[in-house]
C-alpha atoms as a PDB file:
ATOM      1  CA  UNK A   1     -75.011 -30.426 -46.049  1.00  0.00           C
ATOM      2  CA  UNK A   2     -73.112 -28.392 -48.600  1.00  0.00           C
ATOM      3  CA  UNK A   3     -69.625 -27.024 -49.137  1.00  0.00           C
ATOM      4  CA  UNK A   4     -68.405 -23.801 -50.637  1.00  0.00           C
ATOM      5  CA  UNK A   5     -65.148 -23.007 -52.357  1.00  0.00           C
ATOM      6  CA  UNK A   6     -63.564 -19.709 -51.291  1.00  0.00           C
ATOM      7  CA  UNK A   7     -60.827 -17.889 -53.164  1.00  0.00           C
ATOM      8  CA  UNK A   8     -58.376 -16.496 -50.611  1.00  0.00           C
ATOM      9  CA  UNK A   9     -55.064 -14.682 -51.113  1.00  0.00           C
ATOM     10  CA  UNK A  10     -52.031 -16.826 -50.176  1.00  0.00           C
ATOM     11  CA  UNK A  11     -50.923 -14.555 -47.304  1.00  0.00           C
ATOM     12  CA  UNK A  12     -54.305 -14.994 -45.622  1.00  0.00           C
ATOM     13  CA  UNK A  13     -54.372 -18.711 -46.311  1.00  0.00           C
ATOM     14  CA  UNK A  14     -51.074 -18.955 -44.441  1.00  0.00           C
ATOM     15  CA  UNK A  15     -52.548 -17.018 -41.504  1.00  0.00           C
ATOM     16  CA  UNK A  16     -55.537 -19.373 -41.453  1.00  0.00           C
ATOM     17  CA  UNK A  17     -53.286 -22.446 -41.476  1.00  0.00           C
ATOM     18  CA  UNK A  18     -51.219 -21.001 -38.616  1.00  0.00           C
ATOM     19  CA  UNK A  19     -54.343 -20.303 -36.548  1.00  0.00           C
ATOM     20  CA  UNK A  20     -53.854 -16.529 -36.545  1.00  0.00           C
ATOM     21  CA  UNK A  21     -56.845 -15.829 -38.792  1.00  0.00           C
ATOM     22  CA  UNK A  22     -59.979 -17.560 -37.580  1.00  0.00           C
ATOM     23  CA  UNK A  23     -62.511 -15.458 -39.497  1.00  0.00           C
ATOM     24  CA  UNK A  24     -63.041 -15.136 -43.209  1.00  0.00           C
ATOM     25  CA  UNK A  25     -64.996 -12.093 -44.339  1.00  0.00           C
ATOM     26  CA  UNK A  26     -67.459 -11.793 -47.209  1.00  0.00           C
ATOM     27  CA  UNK A  27     -69.963  -9.217 -48.374  1.00  0.00           C
ATOM     28  CA  UNK A  28     -72.812 -11.679 -48.730  1.00  0.00           C
ATOM     29  CA  UNK A  29     -73.849 -14.714 -46.739  1.00  0.00           C
ATOM     30  CA  UNK A  30     -73.916 -18.247 -48.068  1.00  0.00           C
ATOM     31  CA  UNK A  31     -76.879 -20.603 -47.906  1.00  0.00           C
ATOM     32  CA  UNK A  32     -77.812 -21.970 -44.493  1.00  0.00           C
ATOM     33  CA  UNK A  33     -76.925 -25.559 -45.401  1.00  0.00           C
ATOM     34  CA  UNK A  34     -73.201 -24.839 -45.937  1.00  0.00           C
ATOM     35  CA  UNK A  35     -71.113 -26.441 -43.220  1.00  0.00           C
ATOM     36  CA  UNK A  36     -67.636 -26.635 -44.762  1.00  0.00           C
ATOM     37  CA  UNK A  37     -65.328 -24.245 -46.593  1.00  0.00           C
ATOM     38  CA  UNK A  38     -62.871 -25.508 -49.188  1.00  0.00           C
ATOM     39  CA  UNK A  39     -59.926 -23.093 -49.384  1.00  0.00           C
ATOM     40  CA  UNK A  40     -58.478 -22.130 -52.760  1.00  0.00           C
ATOM     41  CA  UNK A  41     -55.189 -20.228 -52.543  1.00  0.00           C
ATOM     42  CA  UNK A  42     -55.101 -17.690 -55.387  1.00  0.00           C
ATOM     43  CA  UNK A  43     -52.112 -16.793 -57.606  1.00  0.00           C
ATOM     44  CA  UNK A  44     -49.308 -17.613 -57.552  1.00  0.00           C
ATOM     45  CA  UNK A  45     -50.233 -20.882 -55.798  1.00  0.00           C
ATOM     46  CA  UNK A  46     -53.530 -21.532 -57.628  1.00  0.00           C
ATOM     47  CA  UNK A  47     -54.371 -24.674 -55.665  1.00  0.00           C
ATOM     48  CA  UNK A  48     -57.041 -26.012 -53.330  1.00  0.00           C
ATOM     49  CA  UNK A  49     -54.972 -26.330 -50.173  1.00  0.00           C
ATOM     50  CA  UNK A  50     -57.240 -26.889 -47.172  1.00  0.00           C
ATOM     51  CA  UNK A  51     -60.709 -27.161 -45.726  1.00  0.00           C
ATOM     52  CA  UNK A  52     -62.385 -25.887 -42.587  1.00  0.00           C
ATOM     53  CA  UNK A  53     -65.665 -26.352 -40.815  1.00  0.00           C
ATOM     54  CA  UNK A  54     -67.875 -23.356 -40.153  1.00  0.00           C
ATOM     55  CA  UNK A  55     -68.224 -22.915 -36.388  1.00  0.00           C
ATOM     56  CA  UNK A  56     -70.499 -19.904 -36.703  1.00  0.00           C
ATOM     57  CA  UNK A  57     -71.561 -17.192 -39.122  1.00  0.00           C
ATOM     58  CA  UNK A  58     -71.661 -13.645 -37.806  1.00  0.00           C
ATOM     59  CA  UNK A  59     -73.819 -11.296 -39.838  1.00  0.00           C
ATOM     60  CA  UNK A  60     -74.312  -7.796 -38.503  1.00  0.00           C
ATOM     61  CA  UNK A  61     -73.476  -4.131 -38.915  1.00  0.00           C
ATOM     62  CA  UNK A  62     -69.908  -3.681 -40.239  1.00  0.00           C
ATOM     63  CA  UNK A  63     -68.617  -2.173 -36.988  1.00  0.00           C
ATOM     64  CA  UNK A  64     -70.261  -4.805 -34.780  1.00  0.00           C
ATOM     65  CA  UNK A  65     -68.745  -7.654 -36.818  1.00  0.00           C
ATOM     66  CA  UNK A  66     -65.298  -6.089 -36.433  1.00  0.00           C
ATOM     67  CA  UNK A  67     -65.748  -5.731 -32.671  1.00  0.00           C
ATOM     68  CA  UNK A  68     -66.704  -9.404 -32.372  1.00  0.00           C
ATOM     69  CA  UNK A  69     -63.927 -10.760 -34.605  1.00  0.00           C
ATOM     70  CA  UNK A  70     -60.966  -8.364 -34.503  1.00  0.00           C
ATOM     71  CA  UNK A  71     -58.772 -10.448 -32.183  1.00  0.00           C
ATOM     72  CA  UNK A  72     -58.576 -13.273 -34.731  1.00  0.00           C
ATOM     73  CA  UNK A  73     -59.296 -11.340 -37.915  1.00  0.00           C
ATOM     74  CA  UNK A  74     -55.824 -11.744 -39.395  1.00  0.00           C
ATOM     75  CA  UNK A  75     -56.231  -8.355 -41.100  1.00  0.00           C
ATOM     76  CA  UNK A  76     -55.896  -4.693 -40.174  1.00  0.00           C
ATOM     77  CA  UNK A  77     -58.846  -2.470 -39.386  1.00  0.00           C
ATOM     78  CA  UNK A  78     -57.834  -0.246 -42.325  1.00  0.00           C
ATOM     79  CA  UNK A  79     -58.023  -3.207 -44.732  1.00  0.00           C
ATOM     80  CA  UNK A  80     -61.342  -4.287 -43.211  1.00  0.00           C
ATOM     81  CA  UNK A  81     -62.906  -0.835 -43.616  1.00  0.00           C
ATOM     82  CA  UNK A  82     -61.666  -0.573 -47.199  1.00  0.00           C
ATOM     83  CA  UNK A  83     -63.161  -3.993 -48.029  1.00  0.00           C
ATOM     84  CA  UNK A  84     -66.564  -2.992 -46.644  1.00  0.00           C
ATOM     85  CA  UNK A  85     -66.531   0.615 -47.907  1.00  0.00           C
ATOM     86  CA  UNK A  86     -70.082   1.667 -48.688  1.00  0.00           C
ATOM     87  CA  UNK A  87     -71.566  -1.478 -47.129  1.00  0.00           C
ATOM     88  CA  UNK A  88     -73.789  -1.545 -44.059  1.00  0.00           C
ATOM     89  CA  UNK A  89     -73.637  -5.285 -43.388  1.00  0.00           C
ATOM     90  CA  UNK A  90     -70.678  -7.637 -42.959  1.00  0.00           C
ATOM     91  CA  UNK A  91     -70.453 -11.423 -42.826  1.00  0.00           C
ATOM     92  CA  UNK A  92     -67.721 -13.311 -40.962  1.00  0.00           C
ATOM     93  CA  UNK A  93     -67.290 -17.074 -41.144  1.00  0.00           C
ATOM     94  CA  UNK A  94     -65.740 -18.446 -37.961  1.00  0.00           C
ATOM     95  CA  UNK A  95     -63.432 -21.261 -39.050  1.00  0.00           C
ATOM     96  CA  UNK A  96     -62.697 -24.365 -36.981  1.00  0.00           C
ATOM     97  CA  UNK A  97     -60.974 -27.706 -37.525  1.00  0.00           C
ATOM     98  CA  UNK A  98     -58.822 -26.413 -40.367  1.00  0.00           C
ATOM     99  CA  UNK A  99     -57.149 -29.265 -42.242  1.00  0.00           C
ATOM    100  CA  UNK A 100     -54.324 -28.651 -44.701  1.00  0.00           C
ATOM    101  CA  UNK A 101     -54.221 -31.065 -47.637  1.00  0.00           C
ATOM    102  CA  UNK A 102     -51.049 -33.135 -47.975  1.00  0.00           C
ATOM    103  CA  UNK A 103     -51.287 -32.767 -51.737  1.00  0.00           C
ATOM    104  CA  UNK A 104     -52.861 -29.499 -52.947  1.00  0.00           C
ATOM    105  CA  UNK A 105     -55.470 -30.011 -55.668  1.00  0.00           C
ATOM    106  CA  UNK A 106     -56.166 -28.208 -58.910  1.00  0.00           C
ATOM    107  CA  UNK A 107     -59.608 -26.755 -59.495  1.00  0.00           C
ATOM    108  CA  UNK A 108     -60.181 -29.349 -62.207  1.00  0.00           C
ATOM    109  CA  UNK A 109     -59.562 -32.135 -59.688  1.00  0.00           C
ATOM    110  CA  UNK A 110     -62.542 -30.944 -57.664  1.00  0.00           C
ATOM    111  CA  UNK A 111     -64.757 -30.387 -60.700  1.00  0.00           C
ATOM    112  CA  UNK A 112     -64.490 -26.606 -60.950  1.00  0.00           C
ATOM    113  CA  UNK A 113     -63.469 -24.901 -64.191  1.00  0.00           C
ATOM    114  CA  UNK A 114     -62.376 -21.504 -62.833  1.00  0.00           C
ATOM    115  CA  UNK A 115     -61.702 -19.814 -59.510  1.00  0.00           C
ATOM    116  CA  UNK A 116     -64.746 -18.125 -58.007  1.00  0.00           C
ATOM    117  CA  UNK A 117     -64.687 -14.339 -57.629  1.00  0.00           C
ATOM    118  CA  UNK A 118     -65.833 -14.738 -54.023  1.00  0.00           C
ATOM    119  CA  UNK A 119     -67.266 -18.222 -53.510  1.00  0.00           C
ATOM    120  CA  UNK A 120     -69.187 -20.993 -55.210  1.00  0.00           C
ATOM    121  CA  UNK A 121     -71.046 -24.041 -53.981  1.00  0.00           C
ATOM    122  CA  UNK A 122     -69.518 -27.452 -54.650  1.00  0.00           C
ATOM    123  CA  UNK A 123     -70.044 -31.084 -53.809  1.00  0.00           C
ATOM    124  CA  UNK A 124     -67.027 -33.338 -53.393  1.00  0.00           C
END
């Protein structure tokens, strides 16, 4: 199996760690063999702080994905619609078994030279 590194804003990382945000949204779907997400908290933290397994991937019409995930989205509907403006399809990764790292890692420590714009595939 494979892992992907996701860049996520610190406020949303905190919501994921607290169990309030159980879905992470993207505009395109990852490969089918990805089973784990490595979470990179963007500026000002700039550290790899946690990992989570992918319980499910929901890929559907933008409105249908919202209906299925809104209770644990961790974001507002307004933010969601703005993110997907002009898009017909949405992808939501359902996160499970989130584990926070005791010692956050730098990107260099996991063999990555710069933070991905959305995500990148890695092998640890």
